[in-house]
Amino acid sequence: MNDNNKLLKLINKFNRGKILVIGDIMLDEFVWGKVSRISPEAPVPVVEVTKENIMLGGAANVLKNIHALGGQAMLLGVIGRDYNGERFMEIVREGGYRTDGIIVDEARRTSIKTRVVAQHQQVVRFDRESRDDLSKKTYKKIIELLLSMSSEFDAVIVSDYGKGLINRGIVSTILRFKKKNGLIVSVDPKIRNFRFYKGVTVITPNQKEAEEACGFEINSSKSLMKAGMHLLKRYETDAILITRGEYGMSLFQKDGTVKHIPTIAKEVYDVTGAGDTVISALSLSLAVKATWIDACIISNHAAGIVVGKLGTATASAKELTVSIENSPE
């Protein structure tokens, strides 16, 4: 069997993969328009709005990615009892996703990021969000749901956007299930919480996050190798996957294997949500027993698809199949 056929067989198994996504829920709102003049009131562009849309963001975008790839997933996270929380639930129900892991916290606001885009360029982004730690009551509810649900799944994705949901207690609970049931635990990290991730299966930092976690700049092949090995040793993971934008991604495994995978993106329009796509495709591939290298190659193809789209995008199983079929062996 050639390599591409092996990858295609894995994609055909995605419907067997069951993933629990836990993390910071948000909405991504886009205001699209065009700019033809500068405001007379201040030296800023005047955006003539042509359309607006709103979609799932943060950990909810990971959920959306897994479903788009053909996998099964459930989201565990927190929203507020507010207008944006209602909009979030409406989108979730319309998408046919499970809602039994979504907790409403009276004291929090539902996070929303609004991006204004003109001529394919982001003009400004403004965030309305909660970043406080969870209340004891909400934390207890999440732990109870984790304890009741984790045995249903092959893998857990920790989608950490640094908004207060991910803490030591939650990660420790997930790690107990990892040890007991052999769960795959994948983490899309935030630098302030790196200390919680020790012992997970894989961490997927982008290059900037890897630099911050290591405390030095990655500016050469030597420093990249040093960073990957440092993170492996420090956090005792099975693998570290550093995503590197136009340079692709680099996989470091605890057995010493290192694999650099060049990007397959033909054009990059928008990197919004690309990290969500990478961890979704990676975890789903591992859940259906892909090797590390095959899982990373599939993730790389998925990322190449979404960065060629505007807005918070996903890659479908069909698009992924076409991308792999059209790639050289």
Protein backbone atom coordinates (compact mmCIF):
# COMPACT_ATOMS: atom_id res chain seq x y z
CA MET A 1 0.00 0.00 0.00
CA ASN A 2 1.44 3.40 -0.90
CA ASP A 3 1.58 6.16 1.69
CA ASN A 4 -1.35 8.18 0.31
CA ASN A 5 -3.63 5.15 0.30
CA LYS A 6 -2.71 4.53 3.94
CA LEU A 7 -3.68 8.10 4.83
CA LEU A 8 -6.97 7.81 2.94
CA LYS A 9 -7.82 4.61 4.82
CA LEU A 10 -7.28 6.45 8.10
CA ILE A 11 -9.61 9.28 7.02
CA ASN A 12 -12.28 6.70 6.20
CA LYS A 13 -12.07 5.52 9.82
CA PHE A 14 -12.61 8.99 11.30
CA ASN A 15 -16.27 8.21 12.01
CA ARG A 16 -15.09 5.74 14.66
CA GLY A 17 -13.12 8.34 16.61
CA LYS A 18 -14.78 9.74 19.75
CA ILE A 19 -13.28 12.94 21.13
CA LEU A 20 -14.12 14.96 24.24
CA VAL A 21 -13.22 18.63 23.81
CA ILE A 22 -12.79 20.64 27.00
CA GLY A 23 -11.84 24.28 26.99
CA ASP A 24 -12.73 27.93 26.62
CA ILE A 25 -15.92 28.49 24.64
CA MET A 26 -16.33 31.62 22.56
CA LEU A 27 -18.06 33.04 19.53
CA ASP A 28 -16.20 34.41 16.50
CA GLU A 29 -18.02 37.32 14.89
CA PHE A 30 -16.93 38.72 11.53
CA VAL A 31 -17.90 42.10 10.07
CA TRP A 32 -16.96 42.17 6.37
CA GLY A 33 -16.69 45.30 4.27
CA LYS A 34 -14.65 47.51 2.00
CA VAL A 35 -12.55 50.62 2.54
CA SER A 36 -12.55 53.50 0.07
CA ARG A 37 -11.73 56.48 2.28
CA ILE A 38 -10.21 57.68 5.54
CA SER A 39 -12.46 59.12 8.21
CA PRO A 40 -12.46 62.93 8.47
CA GLU A 41 -12.86 62.51 12.24
CA ALA A 42 -9.62 60.57 12.82
CA PRO A 43 -6.87 58.94 10.70
CA VAL A 44 -8.69 55.60 10.50
CA PRO A 45 -10.30 53.75 7.59
CA VAL A 46 -14.06 53.92 7.12
CA VAL A 47 -15.34 50.37 6.59
CA GLU A 48 -18.52 50.12 4.53
CA VAL A 49 -20.11 46.96 5.92
CA THR A 50 -21.31 44.45 3.32
CA LYS A 51 -22.09 41.43 5.51
CA GLU A 52 -21.79 40.04 9.02
CA ASN A 53 -21.68 36.50 10.36
CA ILE A 54 -21.10 34.69 13.61
CA MET A 55 -19.74 31.21 14.24
CA LEU A 56 -18.39 28.88 16.90
CA GLY A 57 -14.95 29.83 18.22
CA GLY A 58 -12.34 28.64 20.70
CA ALA A 59 -12.95 25.12 21.98
CA ALA A 60 -16.27 25.13 20.10
CA ASN A 61 -14.36 25.53 16.82
CA VAL A 62 -12.43 22.36 17.70
CA LEU A 63 -15.78 20.60 18.09
CA LYS A 64 -16.85 21.93 14.69
CA ASN A 65 -13.58 20.80 13.08
CA ILE A 66 -13.91 17.25 14.39
CA HIS A 67 -17.45 16.96 13.07
CA ALA A 68 -16.42 18.40 9.70
CA LEU A 69 -13.72 15.72 9.45
CA GLY A 70 -16.32 13.02 10.13
CA GLY A 71 -15.49 12.30 13.77
CA GLN A 72 -17.71 12.19 16.86
CA ALA A 73 -17.20 14.83 19.53
CA MET A 74 -18.71 16.44 22.58
CA LEU A 75 -17.88 19.85 24.05
CA LEU A 76 -17.39 20.51 27.76
CA GLY A 77 -17.23 24.18 28.65
CA VAL A 78 -18.91 27.26 30.12
CA ILE A 79 -21.02 30.10 28.76
CA GLY A 80 -22.85 32.95 30.46
CA ARG A 81 -26.57 33.49 30.82
CA ASP A 82 -26.61 36.35 28.34
CA TYR A 83 -27.49 37.27 24.76
CA ASN A 84 -24.27 35.80 23.33
CA GLY A 85 -24.80 32.62 25.34
CA GLU A 86 -28.23 32.29 23.74
CA ARG A 87 -26.72 32.84 20.30
CA PHE A 88 -24.09 30.23 21.04
CA MET A 89 -26.67 27.62 22.04
CA GLU A 90 -28.74 28.38 18.96
CA ILE A 91 -25.75 27.71 16.68
CA VAL A 92 -24.86 24.53 18.57
CA ARG A 93 -28.39 23.17 18.26
CA GLU A 94 -28.58 24.09 14.57
CA GLY A 95 -25.32 22.17 14.03
CA GLY A 96 -26.77 19.08 15.68
CA TYR A 97 -24.07 18.96 18.37
CA ARG A 98 -24.53 17.57 21.87
CA THR A 99 -25.30 20.16 24.53
CA ASP A 100 -25.05 18.09 27.71
CA GLY A 101 -21.52 19.29 28.42
CA ILE A 102 -22.28 23.01 28.19
CA ILE A 103 -22.59 24.67 31.61
CA VAL A 104 -24.27 28.03 32.14
CA ASP A 105 -22.57 30.21 34.77
CA GLU A 106 -24.67 33.13 35.96
CA ALA A 107 -21.59 35.10 37.00
CA ARG A 108 -19.69 34.91 33.67
CA ARG A 109 -20.16 36.53 30.30
CA THR A 110 -19.98 34.53 27.09
CA SER A 111 -16.71 35.36 25.32
CA ILE A 112 -16.96 36.84 21.81
CA LYS A 113 -14.24 38.07 19.46
CA THR A 114 -15.35 40.51 16.78
CA ARG A 115 -13.11 40.96 13.73
CA VAL A 116 -13.60 43.69 11.13
CA VAL A 117 -12.24 42.57 7.75
CA ALA A 118 -11.88 44.73 4.64
CA GLN A 119 -10.24 43.77 1.34
CA HIS A 120 -9.24 40.42 2.88
CA GLN A 121 -7.31 42.23 5.65
CA GLN A 122 -8.26 42.34 9.32
CA VAL A 123 -8.67 46.00 10.25
CA VAL A 124 -9.33 45.57 13.98
CA ARG A 125 -10.43 42.97 16.51
CA PHE A 126 -12.20 43.65 19.77
CA ASP A 127 -12.83 41.10 22.50
CA ARG A 128 -15.60 40.90 25.08
CA GLU A 129 -14.76 38.09 27.46
CA SER A 130 -14.29 36.65 30.92
CA ARG A 131 -10.80 35.64 32.01
CA ASP A 132 -11.43 35.06 35.69
CA ASP A 133 -10.99 31.64 37.25
CA LEU A 134 -14.09 29.47 37.51
CA SER A 135 -16.30 29.71 40.56
CA LYS A 136 -16.14 26.74 42.93
CA LYS A 137 -19.67 25.76 41.93
CA THR A 138 -18.88 25.72 38.20
CA TYR A 139 -15.56 23.96 38.74
CA LYS A 140 -17.37 21.22 40.68
CA LYS A 141 -19.89 20.76 37.83
CA ILE A 142 -17.08 20.36 35.28
CA ILE A 143 -15.28 17.77 37.42
CA GLU A 144 -18.54 15.84 37.88
CA LEU A 145 -19.14 15.82 34.11
CA LEU A 146 -15.56 14.72 33.46
CA LEU A 147 -15.91 11.85 35.89
CA SER A 148 -19.18 10.72 34.32
CA MET A 149 -18.19 11.09 30.66
CA SER A 150 -14.48 10.44 30.09
CA SER A 151 -14.89 6.68 29.66
CA GLU A 152 -17.02 7.31 26.54
CA PHE A 153 -14.10 8.73 24.57
CA ASP A 154 -10.86 7.70 22.86
CA ALA A 155 -9.19 11.07 23.32
CA VAL A 156 -9.51 14.38 25.15
CA ILE A 157 -8.53 17.67 23.56
CA VAL A 158 -7.69 20.46 26.01
CA SER A 159 -8.37 23.66 24.07
CA ASP A 160 -6.79 26.27 26.31
CA TYR A 161 -7.44 29.88 25.30
CA GLY A 162 -6.43 31.25 28.70
CA LYS A 163 -9.93 32.41 29.67
CA GLY A 164 -10.02 30.73 33.08
CA LEU A 165 -11.48 27.28 32.49
CA ILE A 166 -8.32 25.17 32.30
CA ASN A 167 -6.63 24.77 35.68
CA ARG A 168 -4.48 22.25 37.51
CA GLY A 169 -7.43 20.36 39.00
CA ILE A 170 -9.13 19.82 35.66
CA VAL A 171 -5.94 18.66 33.92
CA SER A 172 -5.10 16.37 36.87
CA THR A 173 -8.55 14.75 36.60
CA ILE A 174 -8.04 14.17 32.86
CA LEU A 175 -4.60 12.67 33.51
CA ARG A 176 -6.08 10.16 35.95
CA PHE A 177 -8.33 8.94 33.14
CA LYS A 178 -5.34 8.88 30.79
CA LYS A 179 -3.54 6.55 33.17
CA LYS A 180 -6.59 4.39 33.89
CA ASN A 181 -8.13 4.09 30.40
CA GLY A 182 -5.25 4.83 28.04
CA LEU A 183 -6.83 8.08 26.84
CA ILE A 184 -4.98 10.23 24.33
CA VAL A 185 -4.70 13.74 25.84
CA SER A 186 -3.83 16.51 23.38
CA VAL A 187 -3.26 20.11 24.49
CA ASP A 188 -3.43 23.31 22.47
CA PRO A 189 -1.56 25.42 25.03
CA LYS A 190 -1.47 28.87 26.54
CA ILE A 191 1.83 29.93 28.04
CA ARG A 192 0.52 30.80 31.52
CA ASN A 193 -0.81 27.24 31.98
CA PHE A 194 2.13 25.23 30.61
CA ARG A 195 2.99 24.06 34.12
CA PHE A 196 -0.29 22.10 34.23
CA TYR A 197 0.42 19.98 31.13
CA LYS A 198 3.13 17.67 32.45
CA GLY A 199 2.34 14.07 31.51
CA VAL A 200 -0.17 14.68 28.69
CA THR A 201 0.19 12.76 25.41
CA VAL A 202 1.02 15.67 23.10
CA ILE A 203 1.28 19.46 23.22
CA THR A 204 0.87 21.47 20.00
CA PRO A 205 2.40 24.94 20.52
CA ASN A 206 2.96 27.34 17.68
CA GLN A 207 6.51 28.65 17.36
CA LYS A 208 5.88 31.73 19.52
CA GLU A 209 4.34 29.63 22.30
CA ALA A 210 7.26 27.19 22.11
CA GLU A 211 9.73 30.07 22.39
CA GLU A 212 7.92 31.46 25.44
CA ALA A 213 7.81 28.04 27.10
CA CYS A 214 11.52 27.44 26.47
CA GLY A 215 12.72 30.95 27.23
CA PHE A 216 14.74 31.38 24.04
CA GLU A 217 14.18 32.31 20.39
CA ILE A 218 13.84 29.67 17.70
CA ASN A 219 15.83 31.11 14.83
CA SER A 220 17.75 28.14 13.40
CA SER A 221 17.54 24.38 12.94
CA LYS A 222 19.74 23.98 16.02
CA SER A 223 17.51 26.12 18.26
CA LEU A 224 14.40 24.35 16.91
CA MET A 225 15.88 20.97 17.86
CA LYS A 226 16.88 22.31 21.26
CA ALA A 227 13.35 23.63 21.87
CA GLY A 228 11.61 20.40 20.88
CA MET A 229 13.85 18.25 23.05
CA HIS A 230 13.61 20.68 25.97
CA LEU A 231 9.79 20.61 25.89
CA LEU A 232 9.70 16.80 25.60
CA LYS A 233 11.92 16.37 28.63
CA ARG A 234 10.38 19.09 30.76
CA TYR A 235 6.74 18.10 30.24
CA GLU A 236 7.25 14.32 29.91
CA THR A 237 4.97 13.97 26.89
CA ASP A 238 4.95 11.31 24.18
CA ALA A 239 5.34 14.02 21.57
CA ILE A 240 5.63 17.74 20.94
CA LEU A 241 4.31 19.18 17.68
CA ILE A 242 5.54 22.71 16.97
CA THR A 243 3.52 24.43 14.25
CA ARG A 244 5.64 26.91 12.30
CA GLY A 245 3.37 28.73 9.86
CA GLU A 246 4.88 28.93 6.38
CA TYR A 247 7.64 26.50 7.46
CA GLY A 248 5.18 23.70 8.24
CA MET A 249 5.44 21.74 11.47
CA SER A 250 8.04 19.79 13.43
CA LEU A 251 7.29 16.61 15.39
CA PHE A 252 9.48 15.52 18.31
CA GLN A 253 8.85 12.09 19.85
CA LYS A 254 10.12 10.76 23.16
CA ASP A 255 11.89 7.88 21.38
CA GLY A 256 14.13 10.47 19.69
CA THR A 257 12.35 10.55 16.33
CA VAL A 258 12.21 14.02 14.78
CA LYS A 259 10.21 14.78 11.63
CA HIS A 260 9.97 18.13 9.85
CA ILE A 261 6.88 18.40 7.64
CA PRO A 262 6.82 21.25 5.07
CA THR A 263 3.62 23.24 4.61
CA ILE A 264 1.33 22.26 1.76
CA ALA A 265 -0.66 25.54 1.80
CA LYS A 266 -0.69 27.11 -1.68
CA GLU A 267 -2.05 30.47 -0.53
CA VAL A 268 -2.57 31.84 2.98
CA TYR A 269 -5.60 34.10 3.36
CA ASP A 270 -6.32 33.76 7.08
CA VAL A 271 -4.70 31.73 9.89
CA THR A 272 -7.67 32.22 12.26
CA GLY A 273 -8.44 28.86 13.88
CA ALA A 274 -5.65 26.95 12.12
CA GLY A 275 -4.38 25.63 15.45
CA ASP A 276 -7.86 24.25 16.17
CA THR A 277 -7.78 22.37 12.88
CA VAL A 278 -4.33 20.92 13.56
CA ILE A 279 -5.19 19.53 16.99
CA SER A 280 -8.56 18.23 15.75
CA ALA A 281 -7.08 16.31 12.81
CA LEU A 282 -4.11 15.12 14.89
CA SER A 283 -6.24 13.79 17.76
CA LEU A 284 -8.80 12.18 15.47
CA SER A 285 -6.02 10.45 13.53
CA LEU A 286 -4.42 9.15 16.72
CA ALA A 287 -7.84 7.98 17.96
CA VAL A 288 -8.14 5.70 14.90
CA LYS A 289 -4.62 4.32 15.49
CA ALA A 290 -2.57 6.40 13.05
CA THR A 291 1.18 6.58 13.59
CA TRP A 292 2.52 9.90 14.85
CA ILE A 293 3.99 10.81 11.48
CA ASP A 294 0.83 9.89 9.53
CA ALA A 295 -1.29 11.86 12.02
CA CYS A 296 0.92 14.92 11.54
CA ILE A 297 0.85 14.66 7.75
CA ILE A 298 -2.96 14.51 7.83
CA SER A 299 -3.02 17.51 10.19
CA ASN A 300 -0.71 19.42 7.87
CA HIS A 301 -3.05 18.83 4.94
CA ALA A 302 -6.04 19.96 7.03
CA ALA A 303 -4.23 23.15 8.09
CA GLY A 304 -3.28 23.87 4.48
CA ILE A 305 -6.96 23.78 3.55
CA VAL A 306 -8.23 26.13 6.29
CA VAL A 307 -5.59 28.84 5.87
CA GLY A 308 -6.74 29.16 2.27
CA LYS A 309 -10.18 30.27 3.50
CA LEU A 310 -11.31 33.50 5.12
CA GLY A 311 -12.65 33.51 8.67
CA THR A 312 -12.82 30.72 11.22
CA ALA A 313 -12.88 27.78 8.81
CA THR A 314 -12.87 24.00 8.88
CA ALA A 315 -11.62 21.27 6.55
CA SER A 316 -14.08 18.57 5.51
CA ALA A 317 -13.20 14.91 5.11
CA LYS A 318 -13.84 15.29 1.37
CA GLU A 319 -11.48 18.28 1.07
CA LEU A 320 -8.86 16.40 3.04
CA THR A 321 -9.21 13.38 0.79
CA VAL A 322 -8.79 15.52 -2.35
CA SER A 323 -5.74 17.26 -0.87
CA ILE A 324 -4.03 13.95 -0.12
CA GLU A 325 -5.00 12.40 -3.47
CA ASN A 326 -3.43 15.38 -5.27
CA SER A 327 -0.19 15.32 -3.28
CA PRO A 328 2.96 13.51 -4.43
CA GLU A 329 3.77 10.17 -2.83
